[in-house]
Amino acid sequence: VWLKDKTEQQYDITVYRSASCGCCKGWISHLKDHNFTVEDVVVNDVNSHKTRLGVPPKAASCHTAEVNGKVIEGHVPAQDIKRLLAVESDIQLLAVPGMPSGGPGMDTAGARKDSFTVFSMDSQRRVSSFNQYTDY
């Protein structure tokens, strides 16, 4: 389902993660496969970056990223990030809370594929569903 993207549009993204997180490395590979240039920043305290960037505790996952002034939390599919960046919007954050099995970076061979929702949050801190993955 996470087909490689051959489009020319390229984005620079900064990812904050802990050194011990294997699924974060998987998500970074997913981004690279979709034409993102990744600055991989290994930190001792990812939570300080979540706080600085305004990630609500209920939205938290294992890694946090910044791209074009937007915050990306957790295992958000690259296609959703690109869809967000393609249009002007008031959305400040995309998040996949927790670590759903089967999502990008959590999709090791034989892994269960859980349904999950990509949530968005605007500048007024209103939360909406941005995309849902149920049958993939």
N, C-alpha and C. Protein backbone atom coordinates (compact mmCIF):
# COMPACT_ATOMS: atom_id res chain seq x y z
N VAL A 1 0.82 -1.20 0.00
CA VAL A 1 0.00 0.00 0.00
C VAL A 1 0.87 1.26 0.00
N TRP A 2 2.07 1.20 0.50
CA TRP A 2 2.93 2.38 0.57
C TRP A 2 3.83 2.40 -0.66
N LEU A 3 3.22 2.54 -1.83
CA LEU A 3 3.95 2.50 -3.08
C LEU A 3 4.94 3.64 -3.18
N LYS A 4 6.08 3.35 -3.77
CA LYS A 4 7.10 4.38 -3.95
C LYS A 4 6.59 5.46 -4.89
N ASP A 5 6.87 6.69 -4.53
CA ASP A 5 6.40 7.86 -5.28
C ASP A 5 7.52 8.37 -6.17
N LYS A 6 7.27 8.42 -7.45
CA LYS A 6 8.30 8.85 -8.41
C LYS A 6 8.11 10.30 -8.84
N THR A 7 7.23 11.04 -8.18
CA THR A 7 6.99 12.43 -8.59
C THR A 7 8.23 13.28 -8.30
N GLU A 8 8.33 14.40 -8.99
CA GLU A 8 9.50 15.26 -8.87
C GLU A 8 9.47 16.14 -7.61
N GLN A 9 8.29 16.40 -7.05
CA GLN A 9 8.21 17.28 -5.89
C GLN A 9 8.98 16.67 -4.73
N GLN A 10 9.93 17.42 -4.21
CA GLN A 10 10.74 16.95 -3.10
C GLN A 10 10.58 17.92 -1.93
N TYR A 11 10.56 17.37 -0.72
CA TYR A 11 10.41 18.18 0.48
C TYR A 11 11.54 17.86 1.45
N ASP A 12 11.99 18.89 2.16
CA ASP A 12 12.95 18.71 3.25
C ASP A 12 12.16 18.56 4.54
N ILE A 13 12.48 17.53 5.31
CA ILE A 13 11.78 17.27 6.56
C ILE A 13 12.82 16.95 7.64
N THR A 14 12.59 17.47 8.83
CA THR A 14 13.46 17.21 9.97
C THR A 14 12.72 16.29 10.93
N VAL A 15 13.34 15.16 11.26
CA VAL A 15 12.73 14.16 12.15
C VAL A 15 13.52 14.09 13.44
N TYR A 16 12.81 14.22 14.57
CA TYR A 16 13.42 14.08 15.89
C TYR A 16 13.03 12.72 16.46
N ARG A 17 14.04 11.93 16.85
CA ARG A 17 13.77 10.58 17.35
C ARG A 17 14.85 10.17 18.34
N SER A 18 14.57 9.11 19.10
CA SER A 18 15.58 8.56 20.00
C SER A 18 16.43 7.55 19.23
N ALA A 19 17.64 7.32 19.69
CA ALA A 19 18.57 6.41 19.02
C ALA A 19 18.06 4.98 19.02
N SER A 20 17.29 4.61 20.01
CA SER A 20 16.88 3.21 20.17
C SER A 20 15.63 2.83 19.37
N CYS A 21 15.03 3.76 18.67
CA CYS A 21 13.74 3.49 18.02
C CYS A 21 13.92 2.93 16.62
N GLY A 22 13.60 1.66 16.46
CA GLY A 22 13.70 1.01 15.15
C GLY A 22 12.61 1.41 14.19
N CYS A 23 11.39 1.58 14.70
CA CYS A 23 10.29 1.94 13.79
C CYS A 23 10.45 3.36 13.26
N CYS A 24 11.13 4.23 14.00
CA CYS A 24 11.41 5.58 13.50
C CYS A 24 12.28 5.49 12.26
N LYS A 25 13.27 4.59 12.30
CA LYS A 25 14.14 4.40 11.13
C LYS A 25 13.32 3.89 9.95
N GLY A 26 12.35 3.02 10.22
CA GLY A 26 11.48 2.51 9.16
C GLY A 26 10.64 3.62 8.55
N TRP A 27 10.14 4.54 9.38
CA TRP A 27 9.34 5.66 8.88
C TRP A 27 10.22 6.60 8.05
N ILE A 28 11.45 6.82 8.48
CA ILE A 28 12.38 7.66 7.72
C ILE A 28 12.64 7.04 6.35
N SER A 29 12.81 5.73 6.29
CA SER A 29 12.99 5.05 5.00
C SER A 29 11.76 5.24 4.11
N HIS A 30 10.58 5.16 4.73
CA HIS A 30 9.32 5.39 4.00
C HIS A 30 9.32 6.80 3.39
N LEU A 31 9.73 7.80 4.17
CA LEU A 31 9.78 9.17 3.66
C LEU A 31 10.75 9.29 2.49
N LYS A 32 11.93 8.70 2.64
CA LYS A 32 12.93 8.76 1.57
C LYS A 32 12.41 8.10 0.30
N ASP A 33 11.67 7.00 0.46
CA ASP A 33 11.07 6.32 -0.70
C ASP A 33 10.06 7.21 -1.42
N HIS A 34 9.55 8.22 -0.72
CA HIS A 34 8.54 9.12 -1.29
C HIS A 34 9.10 10.51 -1.55
N ASN A 35 10.41 10.58 -1.81
CA ASN A 35 11.05 11.79 -2.30
C ASN A 35 11.19 12.89 -1.24
N PHE A 36 11.27 12.52 0.02
CA PHE A 36 11.59 13.49 1.07
C PHE A 36 13.09 13.44 1.33
N THR A 37 13.68 14.60 1.55
CA THR A 37 15.06 14.68 2.01
C THR A 37 14.98 14.82 3.53
N VAL A 38 15.53 13.83 4.23
CA VAL A 38 15.33 13.74 5.68
C VAL A 38 16.58 14.17 6.44
N GLU A 39 16.39 15.12 7.36
CA GLU A 39 17.41 15.41 8.36
C GLU A 39 17.02 14.60 9.58
N ASP A 40 17.79 13.57 9.89
CA ASP A 40 17.52 12.64 10.97
C ASP A 40 18.25 13.12 12.22
N VAL A 41 17.49 13.68 13.18
CA VAL A 41 18.08 14.26 14.39
C VAL A 41 17.82 13.32 15.57
N VAL A 42 18.88 12.68 16.04
CA VAL A 42 18.78 11.78 17.19
C VAL A 42 18.93 12.63 18.45
N VAL A 43 17.93 12.52 19.33
CA VAL A 43 17.91 13.35 20.55
C VAL A 43 17.71 12.47 21.78
N ASN A 44 18.12 13.00 22.93
CA ASN A 44 17.92 12.30 24.19
C ASN A 44 16.49 12.45 24.70
N ASP A 45 15.85 13.59 24.35
CA ASP A 45 14.51 13.87 24.86
C ASP A 45 13.60 14.35 23.72
N VAL A 46 12.87 13.41 23.13
CA VAL A 46 11.94 13.77 22.04
C VAL A 46 10.79 14.62 22.58
N ASN A 47 10.41 14.40 23.85
CA ASN A 47 9.27 15.12 24.42
C ASN A 47 9.49 16.63 24.46
N SER A 48 10.72 17.08 24.62
CA SER A 48 10.97 18.53 24.62
C SER A 48 10.63 19.13 23.25
N HIS A 49 10.87 18.37 22.18
CA HIS A 49 10.52 18.85 20.84
C HIS A 49 9.00 18.82 20.64
N LYS A 50 8.33 17.81 21.17
CA LYS A 50 6.86 17.75 21.10
C LYS A 50 6.26 18.97 21.79
N THR A 51 6.78 19.30 22.97
CA THR A 51 6.29 20.46 23.72
C THR A 51 6.55 21.75 22.95
N ARG A 52 7.76 21.91 22.45
CA ARG A 52 8.13 23.12 21.70
C ARG A 52 7.25 23.31 20.48
N LEU A 53 6.86 22.21 19.83
CA LEU A 53 6.08 22.28 18.60
C LEU A 53 4.57 22.20 18.83
N GLY A 54 4.14 22.08 20.09
CA GLY A 54 2.71 22.12 20.40
C GLY A 54 1.96 20.83 20.15
N VAL A 55 2.64 19.69 20.23
CA VAL A 55 1.96 18.40 20.03
C VAL A 55 1.17 18.07 21.30
N PRO A 56 -0.15 17.90 21.19
CA PRO A 56 -0.94 17.54 22.37
C PRO A 56 -0.55 16.15 22.87
N PRO A 57 -0.54 15.93 24.18
CA PRO A 57 -0.18 14.62 24.72
C PRO A 57 -0.98 13.46 24.12
N LYS A 58 -2.27 13.68 23.83
CA LYS A 58 -3.11 12.61 23.26
C LYS A 58 -2.70 12.24 21.84
N ALA A 59 -1.94 13.11 21.17
CA ALA A 59 -1.52 12.86 19.79
C ALA A 59 -0.14 12.20 19.72
N ALA A 60 0.53 12.06 20.84
CA ALA A 60 1.93 11.65 20.86
C ALA A 60 2.18 10.26 20.30
N SER A 61 3.33 10.14 19.67
CA SER A 61 3.85 8.88 19.16
C SER A 61 5.35 8.86 19.48
N CYS A 62 6.10 8.09 18.73
CA CYS A 62 7.52 7.91 19.07
C CYS A 62 8.45 8.93 18.41
N HIS A 63 8.02 9.61 17.37
CA HIS A 63 8.88 10.60 16.72
C HIS A 63 8.04 11.80 16.27
N THR A 64 8.74 12.92 16.10
CA THR A 64 8.12 14.19 15.74
C THR A 64 8.92 14.79 14.60
N ALA A 65 8.24 15.43 13.66
CA ALA A 65 8.93 16.01 12.50
C ALA A 65 8.39 17.39 12.18
N GLU A 66 9.21 18.16 11.46
CA GLU A 66 8.82 19.48 10.96
C GLU A 66 9.08 19.52 9.46
N VAL A 67 8.09 20.03 8.72
CA VAL A 67 8.24 20.19 7.27
C VAL A 67 7.43 21.42 6.83
N ASN A 68 8.08 22.36 6.18
CA ASN A 68 7.41 23.56 5.66
C ASN A 68 6.51 24.25 6.68
N GLY A 69 6.97 24.34 7.93
CA GLY A 69 6.20 25.01 8.97
C GLY A 69 5.09 24.17 9.58
N LYS A 70 4.96 22.93 9.17
CA LYS A 70 3.94 22.02 9.71
C LYS A 70 4.62 20.99 10.61
N VAL A 71 3.86 20.46 11.56
CA VAL A 71 4.35 19.44 12.48
C VAL A 71 3.72 18.10 12.10
N ILE A 72 4.54 17.07 12.08
CA ILE A 72 4.08 15.72 11.77
C ILE A 72 4.43 14.84 12.96
N GLU A 73 3.44 14.21 13.54
CA GLU A 73 3.64 13.38 14.73
C GLU A 73 3.31 11.93 14.43
N GLY A 74 4.29 11.07 14.60
CA GLY A 74 4.05 9.64 14.47
C GLY A 74 4.09 9.14 13.04
N HIS A 75 3.46 7.99 12.83
CA HIS A 75 3.57 7.24 11.58
C HIS A 75 2.58 7.71 10.51
N VAL A 76 2.64 8.99 10.19
CA VAL A 76 1.79 9.58 9.15
C VAL A 76 2.32 9.15 7.78
N PRO A 77 1.47 8.59 6.93
CA PRO A 77 1.92 8.22 5.59
C PRO A 77 2.40 9.44 4.78
N ALA A 78 3.46 9.23 4.00
CA ALA A 78 4.04 10.31 3.19
C ALA A 78 3.00 10.95 2.28
N GLN A 79 2.07 10.15 1.75
CA GLN A 79 1.06 10.68 0.84
C GLN A 79 0.19 11.74 1.53
N ASP A 80 -0.09 11.53 2.83
CA ASP A 80 -0.90 12.50 3.57
C ASP A 80 -0.11 13.79 3.82
N ILE A 81 1.18 13.65 4.10
CA ILE A 81 2.02 14.84 4.29
C ILE A 81 2.05 15.64 2.99
N LYS A 82 2.24 14.97 1.87
CA LYS A 82 2.29 15.67 0.59
C LYS A 82 0.95 16.33 0.26
N ARG A 83 -0.15 15.65 0.59
CA ARG A 83 -1.48 16.24 0.35
C ARG A 83 -1.65 17.51 1.18
N LEU A 84 -1.18 17.50 2.43
CA LEU A 84 -1.24 18.68 3.28
C LEU A 84 -0.41 19.82 2.69
N LEU A 85 0.78 19.51 2.23
CA LEU A 85 1.69 20.54 1.73
C LEU A 85 1.29 21.09 0.37
N ALA A 86 0.44 20.37 -0.36
CA ALA A 86 0.06 20.78 -1.72
C ALA A 86 -0.95 21.92 -1.75
N VAL A 87 -1.59 22.20 -0.63
CA VAL A 87 -2.62 23.24 -0.60
C VAL A 87 -2.41 24.17 0.58
N GLU A 88 -2.87 25.40 0.44
CA GLU A 88 -2.85 26.34 1.56
C GLU A 88 -3.93 25.90 2.55
N SER A 89 -3.57 25.81 3.81
CA SER A 89 -4.57 25.47 4.82
C SER A 89 -4.10 25.98 6.17
N ASP A 90 -5.02 25.95 7.11
CA ASP A 90 -4.75 26.38 8.48
C ASP A 90 -4.27 25.19 9.34
N ILE A 91 -4.09 24.04 8.74
CA ILE A 91 -3.65 22.86 9.49
C ILE A 91 -2.20 23.05 9.92
N GLN A 92 -1.97 22.87 11.21
CA GLN A 92 -0.64 23.02 11.79
C GLN A 92 0.04 21.69 12.08
N LEU A 93 -0.79 20.62 12.25
CA LEU A 93 -0.28 19.34 12.72
C LEU A 93 -1.04 18.20 12.07
N LEU A 94 -0.30 17.16 11.64
CA LEU A 94 -0.88 15.87 11.30
C LEU A 94 -0.32 14.88 12.31
N ALA A 95 -1.17 13.98 12.81
CA ALA A 95 -0.72 13.03 13.82
C ALA A 95 -1.40 11.68 13.68
N VAL A 96 -0.60 10.64 13.92
CA VAL A 96 -1.10 9.28 14.10
C VAL A 96 -0.67 8.91 15.51
N PRO A 97 -1.59 9.04 16.48
CA PRO A 97 -1.23 8.73 17.86
C PRO A 97 -0.84 7.26 18.03
N GLY A 98 0.06 7.03 18.96
CA GLY A 98 0.48 5.66 19.25
C GLY A 98 1.33 5.11 18.12
N MET A 99 1.31 3.81 17.98
CA MET A 99 2.14 3.14 16.98
C MET A 99 1.34 2.00 16.35
N PRO A 100 0.38 2.32 15.46
CA PRO A 100 -0.48 1.27 14.89
C PRO A 100 0.30 0.29 14.01
N SER A 101 0.10 -0.96 14.24
CA SER A 101 0.76 -2.01 13.47
C SER A 101 0.32 -1.94 12.01
N GLY A 102 1.29 -2.03 11.11
CA GLY A 102 0.98 -2.02 9.68
C GLY A 102 1.15 -0.67 9.02
N GLY A 103 1.20 0.41 9.80
CA GLY A 103 1.42 1.74 9.23
C GLY A 103 2.84 1.88 8.74
N PRO A 104 3.16 2.96 8.02
CA PRO A 104 4.52 3.14 7.52
C PRO A 104 5.53 3.18 8.66
N GLY A 105 6.54 2.34 8.56
CA GLY A 105 7.53 2.20 9.63
C GLY A 105 7.18 1.09 10.60
N MET A 106 5.92 0.69 10.61
CA MET A 106 5.43 -0.39 11.48
C MET A 106 4.96 -1.56 10.63
N ASP A 107 5.42 -1.60 9.39
CA ASP A 107 4.90 -2.56 8.42
C ASP A 107 5.90 -3.67 8.09
N THR A 108 6.52 -4.22 9.12
CA THR A 108 7.45 -5.32 8.89
C THR A 108 6.70 -6.53 8.35
N ALA A 109 7.41 -7.39 7.68
CA ALA A 109 6.80 -8.59 7.07
C ALA A 109 6.04 -9.38 8.12
N GLY A 110 4.82 -9.71 7.80
CA GLY A 110 3.99 -10.49 8.71
C GLY A 110 3.28 -9.68 9.77
N ALA A 111 3.53 -8.37 9.81
CA ALA A 111 2.89 -7.54 10.83
C ALA A 111 1.39 -7.44 10.58
N ARG A 112 0.64 -7.43 11.64
CA ARG A 112 -0.80 -7.21 11.59
C ARG A 112 -1.03 -5.80 11.02
N LYS A 113 -2.13 -5.59 10.31
CA LYS A 113 -2.46 -4.28 9.74
C LYS A 113 -3.67 -3.72 10.47
N ASP A 114 -3.41 -2.89 11.46
CA ASP A 114 -4.50 -2.26 12.21
C ASP A 114 -5.05 -1.06 11.45
N SER A 115 -6.32 -0.80 11.62
CA SER A 115 -6.92 0.44 11.11
C SER A 115 -6.36 1.60 11.93
N PHE A 116 -6.21 2.76 11.28
CA PHE A 116 -5.79 3.95 12.03
C PHE A 116 -6.28 5.21 11.33
N THR A 117 -6.30 6.29 12.09
CA THR A 117 -6.74 7.59 11.59
C THR A 117 -5.58 8.56 11.65
N VAL A 118 -5.44 9.36 10.60
CA VAL A 118 -4.52 10.50 10.60
C VAL A 118 -5.36 11.70 11.01
N PHE A 119 -5.01 12.30 12.13
CA PHE A 119 -5.73 13.46 12.64
C PHE A 119 -5.02 14.74 12.23
N SER A 120 -5.80 15.81 12.06
CA SER A 120 -5.22 17.12 11.81
C SER A 120 -5.64 18.06 12.94
N MET A 121 -4.82 19.08 13.17
CA MET A 121 -5.15 20.11 14.14
C MET A 121 -4.82 21.45 13.51
N ASP A 122 -5.77 22.39 13.58
CA ASP A 122 -5.55 23.70 12.98
C ASP A 122 -5.01 24.68 14.03
N SER A 123 -4.83 25.94 13.62
CA SER A 123 -4.24 26.95 14.52
C SER A 123 -5.13 27.26 15.71
N GLN A 124 -6.42 26.93 15.61
CA GLN A 124 -7.35 27.12 16.74
C GLN A 124 -7.40 25.87 17.63
N ARG A 125 -6.53 24.90 17.32
CA ARG A 125 -6.41 23.62 18.04
C ARG A 125 -7.64 22.74 17.88
N ARG A 126 -8.38 22.96 16.77
CA ARG A 126 -9.51 22.09 16.43
C ARG A 126 -8.98 20.84 15.77
N VAL A 127 -9.46 19.69 16.22
CA VAL A 127 -8.99 18.40 15.72
C VAL A 127 -10.03 17.82 14.76
N SER A 128 -9.55 17.29 13.64
CA SER A 128 -10.41 16.64 12.63
C SER A 128 -9.72 15.38 12.14
N SER A 129 -10.51 14.55 11.46
CA SER A 129 -9.94 13.39 10.78
C SER A 129 -9.45 13.85 9.41
N PHE A 130 -8.18 13.62 9.11
CA PHE A 130 -7.59 14.00 7.83
C PHE A 130 -7.67 12.85 6.84
N ASN A 131 -7.47 11.63 7.34
CA ASN A 131 -7.54 10.44 6.49
C ASN A 131 -7.72 9.23 7.39
N GLN A 132 -8.34 8.17 6.83
CA GLN A 132 -8.51 6.93 7.59
C GLN A 132 -8.02 5.76 6.76
N TYR A 133 -7.39 4.84 7.45
CA TYR A 133 -6.91 3.61 6.81
C TYR A 133 -7.59 2.44 7.49
N THR A 134 -8.49 1.80 6.76
CA THR A 134 -9.22 0.66 7.34
C THR A 134 -9.03 -0.61 6.53
N ASP A 135 -9.12 -0.51 5.23
CA ASP A 135 -8.96 -1.69 4.36
C ASP A 135 -7.76 -1.47 3.46
N TYR A 136 -6.61 -1.77 3.96
CA TYR A 136 -5.41 -1.55 3.14
C TYR A 136 -4.51 -2.74 3.15
